[in-house]
């Protein structure tokens, strides 16, 4: 039996075919969640031209995700994003009437620029939202995030020793034998368990 569908948005520097998104989407599908990925307009141009380019303005990114959600004609689903895609997912969750928004590596601030935070993007009217964040993510380390006032509808799950892709350092991976695939399987399991429990 199919579980809650998930609309999954990519980050600024890689599309839906990145190893991160491919692994997590596949693990979620194996667990029974239909996963729908798409490309933002600028990434479609990257694919067509082979040249990197900056993301579209926020309003265009939001509109692209809203239009994609509408095209799926789902009555009950969750929006999720990697990094930049997480910001978009949180911003559009109310307008597309998603059950919840989920972030995988939320870019709380640019690396080294904590004063230029994006905390306002986290606020929506969903009953509950989830962030899975690496403890040493340069876009929002655990100590900094836990010192902030986050929305009451927010739950944070921490990836031990994790970076922006939720991965531990090479040294820790060598010591523990943990692979990127194993860590991303763990992240997908966290999403599945949280969705099934909280939405």
N, C-alpha and C. Protein backbone atom coordinates (compact mmCIF):
# COMPACT_ATOMS: atom_id res chain seq x y z
N UNK A 1 0.84 -1.19 0.00
CA UNK A 1 0.00 0.00 0.00
C UNK A 1 0.88 1.25 0.00
N UNK A 2 0.60 2.19 -0.92
CA UNK A 2 1.40 3.40 -1.04
C UNK A 2 1.20 4.30 0.18
N UNK A 3 2.28 4.90 0.60
CA UNK A 3 2.24 5.84 1.71
C UNK A 3 2.16 7.27 1.16
N UNK A 4 2.25 8.24 2.06
CA UNK A 4 2.12 9.65 1.68
C UNK A 4 3.11 10.04 0.59
N UNK A 5 2.63 10.62 -0.52
CA UNK A 5 3.55 11.09 -1.57
C UNK A 5 4.43 12.23 -1.08
N UNK A 6 5.61 12.34 -1.67
CA UNK A 6 6.57 13.39 -1.31
C UNK A 6 7.02 14.10 -2.57
N UNK A 7 6.88 15.43 -2.59
CA UNK A 7 7.40 16.25 -3.69
C UNK A 7 8.75 16.78 -3.24
N UNK A 8 9.80 16.45 -3.97
CA UNK A 8 11.19 16.62 -3.53
C UNK A 8 11.91 17.61 -4.46
N UNK A 9 12.34 18.75 -3.90
CA UNK A 9 12.98 19.82 -4.68
C UNK A 9 14.50 19.79 -4.48
N UNK A 10 15.23 20.06 -5.56
CA UNK A 10 16.69 19.98 -5.51
C UNK A 10 17.31 21.28 -5.00
N UNK A 11 18.62 21.21 -4.71
CA UNK A 11 19.36 22.35 -4.21
C UNK A 11 19.91 23.21 -5.33
N UNK A 12 20.68 24.25 -4.96
CA UNK A 12 21.13 25.24 -5.94
C UNK A 12 22.18 24.69 -6.90
N UNK A 13 23.06 23.82 -6.41
CA UNK A 13 24.20 23.43 -7.22
C UNK A 13 24.13 22.06 -7.87
N UNK A 14 23.02 21.37 -7.71
CA UNK A 14 22.86 20.04 -8.31
C UNK A 14 21.38 19.76 -8.52
N UNK A 15 21.08 19.02 -9.58
CA UNK A 15 19.69 18.74 -9.92
C UNK A 15 19.17 17.49 -9.25
N UNK A 16 17.99 17.03 -9.68
CA UNK A 16 17.37 15.86 -9.06
C UNK A 16 18.08 14.55 -9.34
N UNK A 17 19.08 14.58 -10.24
CA UNK A 17 19.84 13.36 -10.53
C UNK A 17 21.13 13.28 -9.72
N UNK A 18 21.29 14.16 -8.73
CA UNK A 18 22.49 14.10 -7.89
C UNK A 18 22.50 12.81 -7.08
N UNK A 19 23.68 12.32 -6.67
CA UNK A 19 23.73 11.10 -5.86
C UNK A 19 22.90 11.22 -4.59
N UNK A 20 22.92 12.40 -3.95
CA UNK A 20 22.15 12.63 -2.72
C UNK A 20 20.66 12.41 -2.97
N UNK A 21 20.12 13.12 -3.96
CA UNK A 21 18.68 13.04 -4.20
C UNK A 21 18.27 11.67 -4.74
N UNK A 22 19.11 11.12 -5.61
CA UNK A 22 18.79 9.82 -6.19
C UNK A 22 18.70 8.75 -5.11
N UNK A 23 19.68 8.75 -4.19
CA UNK A 23 19.71 7.74 -3.14
C UNK A 23 18.53 7.88 -2.19
N UNK A 24 18.24 9.11 -1.77
CA UNK A 24 17.16 9.31 -0.81
C UNK A 24 15.80 9.05 -1.45
N UNK A 25 15.62 9.52 -2.68
CA UNK A 25 14.34 9.28 -3.37
C UNK A 25 14.10 7.79 -3.55
N UNK A 26 15.13 7.06 -3.91
CA UNK A 26 14.97 5.62 -4.12
C UNK A 26 14.65 4.91 -2.81
N UNK A 27 15.34 5.30 -1.72
CA UNK A 27 15.07 4.68 -0.43
C UNK A 27 13.65 4.96 0.03
N UNK A 28 13.16 6.17 -0.22
CA UNK A 28 11.79 6.49 0.16
C UNK A 28 10.78 5.70 -0.68
N UNK A 29 11.08 5.54 -1.95
CA UNK A 29 10.19 4.75 -2.81
C UNK A 29 10.14 3.30 -2.35
N UNK A 30 11.30 2.75 -1.97
CA UNK A 30 11.34 1.37 -1.48
C UNK A 30 10.49 1.21 -0.23
N UNK A 31 10.46 2.27 0.59
CA UNK A 31 9.67 2.22 1.82
C UNK A 31 8.18 2.45 1.57
N UNK A 32 7.82 2.75 0.31
CA UNK A 32 6.41 2.87 -0.04
C UNK A 32 5.92 4.26 -0.36
N UNK A 33 6.79 5.27 -0.24
CA UNK A 33 6.38 6.65 -0.52
C UNK A 33 6.60 6.98 -2.00
N UNK A 34 5.55 7.34 -2.73
CA UNK A 34 5.77 7.86 -4.08
C UNK A 34 6.55 9.17 -3.98
N UNK A 35 7.64 9.31 -4.74
CA UNK A 35 8.46 10.52 -4.70
C UNK A 35 8.43 11.18 -6.07
N UNK A 36 8.15 12.48 -6.08
CA UNK A 36 8.06 13.24 -7.32
C UNK A 36 9.14 14.32 -7.31
N UNK A 37 10.11 14.22 -8.21
CA UNK A 37 11.15 15.23 -8.33
C UNK A 37 10.93 16.04 -9.60
N UNK A 38 11.51 17.22 -9.64
CA UNK A 38 11.37 18.09 -10.80
C UNK A 38 12.58 19.01 -10.87
N UNK A 39 12.69 19.76 -11.97
CA UNK A 39 13.77 20.72 -12.12
C UNK A 39 13.22 22.14 -12.08
N UNK A 40 13.89 23.00 -11.32
CA UNK A 40 13.57 24.41 -11.37
C UNK A 40 13.97 24.95 -12.75
N UNK A 41 13.38 26.06 -13.20
CA UNK A 41 13.65 26.57 -14.55
C UNK A 41 15.13 26.77 -14.86
N UNK A 42 15.89 27.33 -13.92
CA UNK A 42 17.30 27.59 -14.20
C UNK A 42 18.08 26.30 -14.42
N UNK A 43 17.67 25.23 -13.70
CA UNK A 43 18.39 23.97 -13.86
C UNK A 43 18.05 23.30 -15.19
N UNK A 44 16.86 23.53 -15.68
CA UNK A 44 16.52 23.06 -17.03
C UNK A 44 17.46 23.70 -18.05
N UNK A 45 17.78 24.99 -17.85
CA UNK A 45 18.71 25.68 -18.75
C UNK A 45 20.12 25.14 -18.59
N UNK A 46 20.50 24.80 -17.37
CA UNK A 46 21.81 24.18 -17.15
C UNK A 46 21.91 22.89 -17.94
N UNK A 47 20.85 22.09 -17.89
CA UNK A 47 20.84 20.82 -18.60
C UNK A 47 20.91 21.03 -20.11
N UNK A 48 20.22 22.06 -20.59
CA UNK A 48 20.18 22.32 -22.03
C UNK A 48 21.48 22.89 -22.57
N UNK A 49 22.14 23.74 -21.77
CA UNK A 49 23.33 24.43 -22.25
C UNK A 49 24.65 23.83 -21.76
N UNK A 50 24.57 23.06 -20.66
CA UNK A 50 25.78 22.51 -20.09
C UNK A 50 26.59 23.53 -19.30
N UNK A 51 26.00 24.71 -19.07
CA UNK A 51 26.69 25.77 -18.35
C UNK A 51 25.96 26.08 -17.05
N UNK A 52 26.71 26.17 -15.96
CA UNK A 52 26.11 26.51 -14.68
C UNK A 52 25.58 27.94 -14.70
N UNK A 53 24.53 28.16 -13.95
CA UNK A 53 23.95 29.50 -13.84
C UNK A 53 23.31 29.63 -12.47
N UNK A 54 23.12 30.85 -12.00
CA UNK A 54 22.52 31.03 -10.67
C UNK A 54 21.04 30.67 -10.69
N UNK A 55 20.49 30.35 -9.52
CA UNK A 55 19.06 30.03 -9.43
C UNK A 55 18.18 31.22 -9.82
N UNK A 56 16.95 30.92 -10.19
CA UNK A 56 15.97 31.96 -10.46
C UNK A 56 15.69 32.74 -9.18
N UNK A 57 15.11 33.94 -9.30
CA UNK A 57 14.66 34.66 -8.10
C UNK A 57 13.69 33.82 -7.29
N UNK A 58 13.61 34.09 -5.99
CA UNK A 58 12.81 33.28 -5.08
C UNK A 58 11.36 33.13 -5.55
N UNK A 59 10.75 34.21 -6.02
CA UNK A 59 9.35 34.14 -6.45
C UNK A 59 9.17 33.16 -7.60
N UNK A 60 10.14 33.10 -8.51
CA UNK A 60 10.05 32.17 -9.64
C UNK A 60 10.26 30.73 -9.19
N UNK A 61 11.18 30.53 -8.25
CA UNK A 61 11.38 29.19 -7.71
C UNK A 61 10.11 28.70 -7.03
N UNK A 62 9.50 29.57 -6.23
CA UNK A 62 8.27 29.21 -5.52
C UNK A 62 7.16 28.85 -6.51
N UNK A 63 7.02 29.67 -7.54
CA UNK A 63 5.97 29.45 -8.53
C UNK A 63 6.18 28.13 -9.26
N UNK A 64 7.43 27.81 -9.55
CA UNK A 64 7.73 26.56 -10.25
C UNK A 64 7.33 25.35 -9.41
N UNK A 65 7.61 25.41 -8.11
CA UNK A 65 7.24 24.27 -7.25
C UNK A 65 5.73 24.20 -7.07
N UNK A 66 5.11 25.34 -6.91
CA UNK A 66 3.64 25.35 -6.78
C UNK A 66 2.98 24.79 -8.03
N UNK A 67 3.47 25.20 -9.21
CA UNK A 67 2.89 24.71 -10.46
C UNK A 67 3.08 23.20 -10.60
N UNK A 68 4.26 22.72 -10.18
CA UNK A 68 4.52 21.29 -10.27
C UNK A 68 3.59 20.52 -9.33
N UNK A 69 3.43 21.00 -8.11
CA UNK A 69 2.53 20.35 -7.16
C UNK A 69 1.10 20.31 -7.71
N UNK A 70 0.69 21.42 -8.30
CA UNK A 70 -0.67 21.48 -8.85
C UNK A 70 -0.84 20.50 -10.00
N UNK A 71 0.22 20.35 -10.81
CA UNK A 71 0.12 19.44 -11.97
C UNK A 71 -0.04 17.98 -11.56
N UNK A 72 0.46 17.64 -10.35
CA UNK A 72 0.36 16.27 -9.88
C UNK A 72 -1.05 15.91 -9.42
N UNK A 73 -1.83 16.93 -9.07
CA UNK A 73 -3.21 16.73 -8.62
C UNK A 73 -3.29 15.77 -7.43
N UNK A 74 -2.38 15.98 -6.47
CA UNK A 74 -2.38 15.17 -5.26
C UNK A 74 -3.26 15.84 -4.22
N UNK A 75 -4.00 15.06 -3.48
CA UNK A 75 -4.85 15.64 -2.43
C UNK A 75 -4.18 15.62 -1.07
N UNK A 76 -3.13 14.85 -0.93
CA UNK A 76 -2.50 14.65 0.37
C UNK A 76 -1.03 14.33 0.15
N UNK A 77 -0.13 15.23 0.53
CA UNK A 77 1.29 15.02 0.24
C UNK A 77 2.15 15.89 1.15
N UNK A 78 3.46 15.63 1.09
CA UNK A 78 4.46 16.39 1.85
C UNK A 78 5.41 17.04 0.85
N UNK A 79 5.85 18.27 1.15
CA UNK A 79 6.87 18.92 0.33
C UNK A 79 8.21 18.82 1.05
N UNK A 80 9.25 18.53 0.30
CA UNK A 80 10.57 18.33 0.88
C UNK A 80 11.61 18.93 -0.04
N UNK A 81 12.71 19.40 0.52
CA UNK A 81 13.76 19.95 -0.32
C UNK A 81 15.13 19.76 0.27
N UNK A 82 16.11 19.77 -0.62
CA UNK A 82 17.52 19.76 -0.26
C UNK A 82 18.03 21.19 -0.33
N UNK A 83 18.56 21.73 0.76
CA UNK A 83 19.17 23.05 0.80
C UNK A 83 18.25 24.13 0.24
N UNK A 84 18.60 24.76 -0.89
CA UNK A 84 17.74 25.79 -1.47
C UNK A 84 16.33 25.29 -1.68
N UNK A 85 16.21 24.04 -2.13
CA UNK A 85 14.89 23.46 -2.34
C UNK A 85 14.09 23.36 -1.05
N UNK A 86 14.80 23.25 0.09
CA UNK A 86 14.11 23.22 1.38
C UNK A 86 13.50 24.58 1.69
N UNK A 87 14.24 25.65 1.38
CA UNK A 87 13.68 26.98 1.59
C UNK A 87 12.40 27.15 0.79
N UNK A 88 12.42 26.70 -0.46
CA UNK A 88 11.25 26.80 -1.31
C UNK A 88 10.11 25.97 -0.74
N UNK A 89 10.40 24.75 -0.32
CA UNK A 89 9.37 23.86 0.22
C UNK A 89 8.67 24.49 1.42
N UNK A 90 9.46 25.08 2.32
CA UNK A 90 8.87 25.71 3.50
C UNK A 90 8.02 26.93 3.12
N UNK A 91 8.47 27.68 2.11
CA UNK A 91 7.73 28.88 1.71
C UNK A 91 6.41 28.54 1.02
N UNK A 92 6.36 27.43 0.28
CA UNK A 92 5.15 27.13 -0.49
C UNK A 92 4.20 26.18 0.22
N UNK A 93 4.61 25.63 1.36
CA UNK A 93 3.82 24.57 2.01
C UNK A 93 2.38 24.98 2.28
N UNK A 94 2.18 26.21 2.72
CA UNK A 94 0.81 26.67 3.00
C UNK A 94 0.00 26.80 1.71
N UNK A 95 0.59 27.44 0.71
CA UNK A 95 -0.15 27.72 -0.53
C UNK A 95 -0.54 26.46 -1.28
N UNK A 96 0.30 25.41 -1.20
CA UNK A 96 -0.04 24.17 -1.90
C UNK A 96 -0.76 23.17 -1.00
N UNK A 97 -1.02 23.60 0.25
CA UNK A 97 -1.77 22.79 1.21
C UNK A 97 -1.13 21.42 1.46
N UNK A 98 0.19 21.44 1.59
CA UNK A 98 0.91 20.20 1.92
C UNK A 98 0.66 19.84 3.38
N UNK A 99 0.80 18.56 3.70
CA UNK A 99 0.70 18.13 5.10
C UNK A 99 1.78 18.75 5.95
N UNK A 100 3.00 18.81 5.38
CA UNK A 100 4.16 19.29 6.14
C UNK A 100 5.26 19.64 5.16
N UNK A 101 6.27 20.36 5.67
CA UNK A 101 7.49 20.65 4.91
C UNK A 101 8.66 19.98 5.61
N UNK A 102 9.57 19.42 4.80
CA UNK A 102 10.74 18.74 5.33
C UNK A 102 11.99 19.31 4.66
N UNK A 103 13.01 19.57 5.45
CA UNK A 103 14.29 20.06 4.93
C UNK A 103 15.38 19.03 5.16
N UNK A 104 16.17 18.80 4.15
CA UNK A 104 17.36 17.97 4.26
C UNK A 104 18.56 18.90 4.07
N UNK A 105 19.14 19.35 5.19
CA UNK A 105 20.22 20.32 5.11
C UNK A 105 19.68 21.71 4.82
N UNK A 106 19.04 22.33 5.81
CA UNK A 106 18.48 23.66 5.59
C UNK A 106 19.60 24.70 5.60
N UNK A 107 19.64 25.61 4.61
CA UNK A 107 20.69 26.63 4.57
C UNK A 107 20.32 27.81 5.47
N UNK A 108 20.51 27.65 6.75
CA UNK A 108 20.12 28.68 7.71
C UNK A 108 20.79 30.02 7.42
N UNK A 109 22.02 29.97 6.91
CA UNK A 109 22.76 31.19 6.58
C UNK A 109 23.88 30.80 5.62
N UNK A 110 24.41 31.76 4.85
CA UNK A 110 25.59 31.44 4.04
C UNK A 110 26.76 31.06 4.95
N UNK A 111 27.64 30.19 4.51
CA UNK A 111 28.78 29.80 5.36
C UNK A 111 29.57 31.01 5.84
N UNK A 112 29.76 31.08 7.16
CA UNK A 112 30.54 32.16 7.74
C UNK A 112 29.80 33.48 7.87
N UNK A 113 28.52 33.50 7.51
CA UNK A 113 27.75 34.75 7.54
C UNK A 113 26.46 34.55 8.34
N UNK A 114 26.62 34.25 9.62
CA UNK A 114 25.47 33.93 10.47
C UNK A 114 24.45 35.06 10.58
N UNK A 115 24.90 36.32 10.42
CA UNK A 115 23.98 37.44 10.53
C UNK A 115 23.02 37.51 9.35
N UNK A 116 23.38 36.90 8.23
CA UNK A 116 22.50 36.90 7.05
C UNK A 116 21.65 35.62 7.06
N UNK A 117 20.92 35.45 8.14
CA UNK A 117 20.18 34.20 8.31
C UNK A 117 18.89 34.18 7.48
N UNK A 118 18.36 32.96 7.28
CA UNK A 118 17.12 32.77 6.52
C UNK A 118 16.03 32.18 7.42
N UNK A 119 16.03 32.53 8.69
CA UNK A 119 15.07 31.95 9.64
C UNK A 119 13.63 32.26 9.25
N UNK A 120 13.40 33.40 8.62
CA UNK A 120 12.03 33.76 8.26
C UNK A 120 11.39 32.75 7.31
N UNK A 121 12.22 32.08 6.50
CA UNK A 121 11.68 31.09 5.55
C UNK A 121 11.05 29.89 6.27
N UNK A 122 11.38 29.70 7.54
CA UNK A 122 10.90 28.52 8.26
C UNK A 122 9.45 28.65 8.74
N UNK A 123 8.93 29.85 8.72
CA UNK A 123 7.61 30.06 9.31
C UNK A 123 6.50 29.79 8.32
N UNK A 124 5.67 28.80 8.63
CA UNK A 124 4.44 28.53 7.88
C UNK A 124 3.38 28.03 8.86
N UNK A 125 2.23 27.72 8.34
CA UNK A 125 1.10 27.34 9.19
C UNK A 125 0.86 25.83 9.23
N UNK A 126 1.81 25.05 8.76
CA UNK A 126 1.64 23.59 8.83
C UNK A 126 1.67 23.16 10.30
N UNK A 127 0.94 22.12 10.67
CA UNK A 127 0.95 21.68 12.08
C UNK A 127 2.34 21.29 12.57
N UNK A 128 3.10 20.60 11.71
CA UNK A 128 4.44 20.16 12.08
C UNK A 128 5.34 20.16 10.85
N UNK A 129 6.61 20.50 11.06
CA UNK A 129 7.62 20.47 10.02
C UNK A 129 8.88 19.80 10.56
N UNK A 130 9.74 19.34 9.65
CA UNK A 130 10.94 18.60 10.04
C UNK A 130 12.17 19.14 9.32
N UNK A 131 13.27 19.24 10.06
CA UNK A 131 14.58 19.51 9.47
C UNK A 131 15.53 18.39 9.88
N UNK A 132 16.23 17.82 8.90
CA UNK A 132 17.32 16.90 9.18
C UNK A 132 18.60 17.64 8.81
N UNK A 133 19.45 17.87 9.79
CA UNK A 133 20.60 18.77 9.63
C UNK A 133 21.88 18.11 10.12
N UNK A 134 22.95 18.30 9.37
CA UNK A 134 24.26 17.83 9.82
C UNK A 134 24.77 18.67 10.97
N UNK A 135 25.34 18.03 11.97
CA UNK A 135 25.81 18.76 13.15
C UNK A 135 26.89 19.78 12.83
N UNK A 136 27.68 19.54 11.78
CA UNK A 136 28.75 20.47 11.43
C UNK A 136 28.49 21.14 10.09
N UNK A 137 27.25 21.22 9.69
CA UNK A 137 26.87 21.86 8.43
C UNK A 137 27.29 23.33 8.45
N UNK A 138 28.13 23.78 7.50
CA UNK A 138 28.55 25.18 7.50
C UNK A 138 27.41 26.16 7.23
N UNK A 139 26.28 25.65 6.75
CA UNK A 139 25.10 26.48 6.53
C UNK A 139 24.20 26.55 7.78
N UNK A 140 24.67 25.97 8.86
CA UNK A 140 23.89 25.99 10.11
C UNK A 140 24.34 24.87 11.03
N UNK A 141 25.40 25.13 11.80
CA UNK A 141 25.91 24.12 12.72
C UNK A 141 24.97 23.98 13.92
N UNK A 142 25.06 22.83 14.57
CA UNK A 142 24.12 22.53 15.64
C UNK A 142 24.12 23.59 16.74
N UNK A 143 25.30 24.02 17.19
CA UNK A 143 25.37 24.98 18.28
C UNK A 143 24.68 26.29 17.91
N UNK A 144 24.86 26.74 16.67
CA UNK A 144 24.24 27.99 16.23
C UNK A 144 22.73 27.83 16.12
N UNK A 145 22.29 26.73 15.49
CA UNK A 145 20.85 26.52 15.30
C UNK A 145 20.14 26.42 16.64
N UNK A 146 20.72 25.69 17.58
CA UNK A 146 20.06 25.50 18.88
C UNK A 146 20.06 26.77 19.71
N UNK A 147 20.85 27.76 19.33
CA UNK A 147 20.85 29.04 20.03
C UNK A 147 19.79 30.00 19.46
N UNK A 148 19.14 29.60 18.36
CA UNK A 148 18.13 30.45 17.72
C UNK A 148 16.73 30.11 18.25
N UNK A 149 15.81 31.02 18.04
CA UNK A 149 14.41 30.76 18.34
C UNK A 149 13.74 30.24 17.06
N UNK A 150 13.40 28.99 17.05
CA UNK A 150 12.79 28.37 15.87
C UNK A 150 11.27 28.30 16.04
N UNK A 151 10.54 28.16 14.95
CA UNK A 151 9.08 28.04 15.06
C UNK A 151 8.67 26.87 15.94
N UNK A 152 7.55 27.02 16.62
CA UNK A 152 7.09 25.96 17.53
C UNK A 152 6.70 24.68 16.80
N UNK A 153 6.40 24.78 15.50
CA UNK A 153 5.98 23.59 14.76
C UNK A 153 7.17 22.85 14.14
N UNK A 154 8.39 23.17 14.60
CA UNK A 154 9.60 22.62 14.00
C UNK A 154 10.21 21.52 14.86
N UNK A 155 10.62 20.44 14.19
CA UNK A 155 11.42 19.39 14.82
C UNK A 155 12.74 19.29 14.08
N UNK A 156 13.85 19.23 14.82
CA UNK A 156 15.17 19.05 14.21
C UNK A 156 15.72 17.68 14.58
N UNK A 157 16.18 16.96 13.58
CA UNK A 157 16.88 15.70 13.79
C UNK A 157 18.31 15.91 13.32
N UNK A 158 19.27 15.52 14.15
CA UNK A 158 20.67 15.82 13.85
C UNK A 158 21.41 14.61 13.30
N UNK A 159 22.09 14.82 12.18
CA UNK A 159 22.95 13.80 11.59
C UNK A 159 24.31 13.91 12.26
N UNK A 160 24.68 12.90 13.01
CA UNK A 160 25.91 12.92 13.79
C UNK A 160 27.12 13.23 12.92
N UNK A 161 27.87 14.31 13.32
CA UNK A 161 29.10 14.67 12.62
C UNK A 161 28.84 15.02 11.15
N UNK A 162 27.58 15.31 10.79
CA UNK A 162 27.21 15.47 9.40
C UNK A 162 27.53 16.84 8.81
N UNK A 163 27.79 16.86 7.49
CA UNK A 163 28.00 18.10 6.75
C UNK A 163 26.71 18.51 6.04
N UNK A 164 26.81 19.35 5.01
CA UNK A 164 25.61 19.83 4.33
C UNK A 164 24.90 18.72 3.57
N UNK A 165 25.63 17.64 3.26
CA UNK A 165 25.02 16.45 2.65
C UNK A 165 24.73 15.38 3.69
N UNK A 166 24.79 15.77 4.95
CA UNK A 166 24.51 14.90 6.11
C UNK A 166 25.60 13.87 6.37
N UNK A 167 26.72 13.96 5.66
CA UNK A 167 27.77 12.95 5.75
C UNK A 167 28.79 13.27 6.84
N UNK A 168 29.28 12.23 7.49
CA UNK A 168 30.35 12.38 8.48
C UNK A 168 31.67 12.65 7.75
N UNK A 169 32.67 13.07 8.52
CA UNK A 169 33.99 13.30 7.93
C UNK A 169 34.56 11.99 7.38
N UNK A 170 35.51 12.13 6.44
CA UNK A 170 36.15 10.95 5.86
C UNK A 170 36.78 10.09 6.96
N UNK A 171 37.37 10.76 7.94
CA UNK A 171 38.03 10.03 9.02
C UNK A 171 37.02 9.19 9.80
N UNK A 172 35.87 9.80 10.13
CA UNK A 172 34.84 9.06 10.86
C UNK A 172 34.29 7.92 9.99
N UNK A 173 34.12 8.18 8.71
CA UNK A 173 33.63 7.12 7.82
C UNK A 173 34.60 5.95 7.79
N UNK A 174 35.89 6.24 7.78
CA UNK A 174 36.89 5.18 7.76
C UNK A 174 36.89 4.41 9.08
N UNK A 175 36.68 5.12 10.18
CA UNK A 175 36.69 4.48 11.49
C UNK A 175 35.46 3.61 11.70
N UNK A 176 34.33 4.07 11.20
CA UNK A 176 33.07 3.36 11.45
C UNK A 176 32.65 2.43 10.32
N UNK A 177 33.20 2.65 9.13
CA UNK A 177 32.79 1.85 7.98
C UNK A 177 31.49 2.33 7.35
N UNK A 178 31.00 3.47 7.83
CA UNK A 178 29.75 4.00 7.29
C UNK A 178 29.99 4.64 5.93
N UNK A 179 29.13 4.34 4.96
CA UNK A 179 29.23 4.92 3.63
C UNK A 179 28.20 6.02 3.44
N UNK A 180 28.36 6.79 2.37
CA UNK A 180 27.36 7.81 2.03
C UNK A 180 26.00 7.17 1.85
N UNK A 181 25.96 6.04 1.18
CA UNK A 181 24.69 5.34 0.94
C UNK A 181 24.01 4.99 2.25
N UNK A 182 24.78 4.52 3.22
CA UNK A 182 24.21 4.15 4.52
C UNK A 182 23.64 5.36 5.24
N UNK A 183 24.35 6.48 5.17
CA UNK A 183 23.88 7.70 5.84
C UNK A 183 22.60 8.21 5.17
N UNK A 184 22.54 8.15 3.85
CA UNK A 184 21.35 8.63 3.15
C UNK A 184 20.17 7.68 3.36
N UNK A 185 20.45 6.40 3.52
CA UNK A 185 19.40 5.46 3.90
C UNK A 185 18.84 5.82 5.27
N UNK A 186 19.73 6.19 6.18
CA UNK A 186 19.31 6.62 7.51
C UNK A 186 18.41 7.84 7.42
N UNK A 187 18.80 8.81 6.59
CA UNK A 187 18.00 10.04 6.45
C UNK A 187 16.62 9.71 5.90
N UNK A 188 16.56 8.83 4.91
CA UNK A 188 15.26 8.44 4.35
C UNK A 188 14.40 7.75 5.40
N UNK A 189 15.02 6.94 6.24
CA UNK A 189 14.29 6.27 7.32
C UNK A 189 13.73 7.28 8.31
N UNK A 190 14.52 8.32 8.61
CA UNK A 190 14.03 9.37 9.51
C UNK A 190 12.80 10.06 8.92
N UNK A 191 12.85 10.34 7.63
CA UNK A 191 11.71 10.97 6.95
C UNK A 191 10.49 10.08 7.03
N UNK A 192 10.67 8.81 6.69
CA UNK A 192 9.55 7.86 6.69
C UNK A 192 8.91 7.76 8.07
N UNK A 193 9.73 7.58 9.09
CA UNK A 193 9.20 7.42 10.44
C UNK A 193 8.50 8.69 10.92
N UNK A 194 9.09 9.84 10.60
CA UNK A 194 8.49 11.09 11.03
C UNK A 194 7.16 11.34 10.32
N UNK A 195 7.12 11.12 9.02
CA UNK A 195 5.88 11.34 8.26
C UNK A 195 4.77 10.43 8.77
N UNK A 196 5.11 9.18 9.00
CA UNK A 196 4.10 8.22 9.43
C UNK A 196 3.59 8.52 10.85
N UNK A 197 4.43 9.14 11.67
CA UNK A 197 4.07 9.44 13.05
C UNK A 197 3.40 10.78 13.21
N UNK A 198 3.79 11.76 12.39
CA UNK A 198 3.41 13.15 12.65
C UNK A 198 2.47 13.79 11.64
N UNK A 199 2.12 13.10 10.58
CA UNK A 199 1.24 13.73 9.60
C UNK A 199 0.00 12.88 9.33
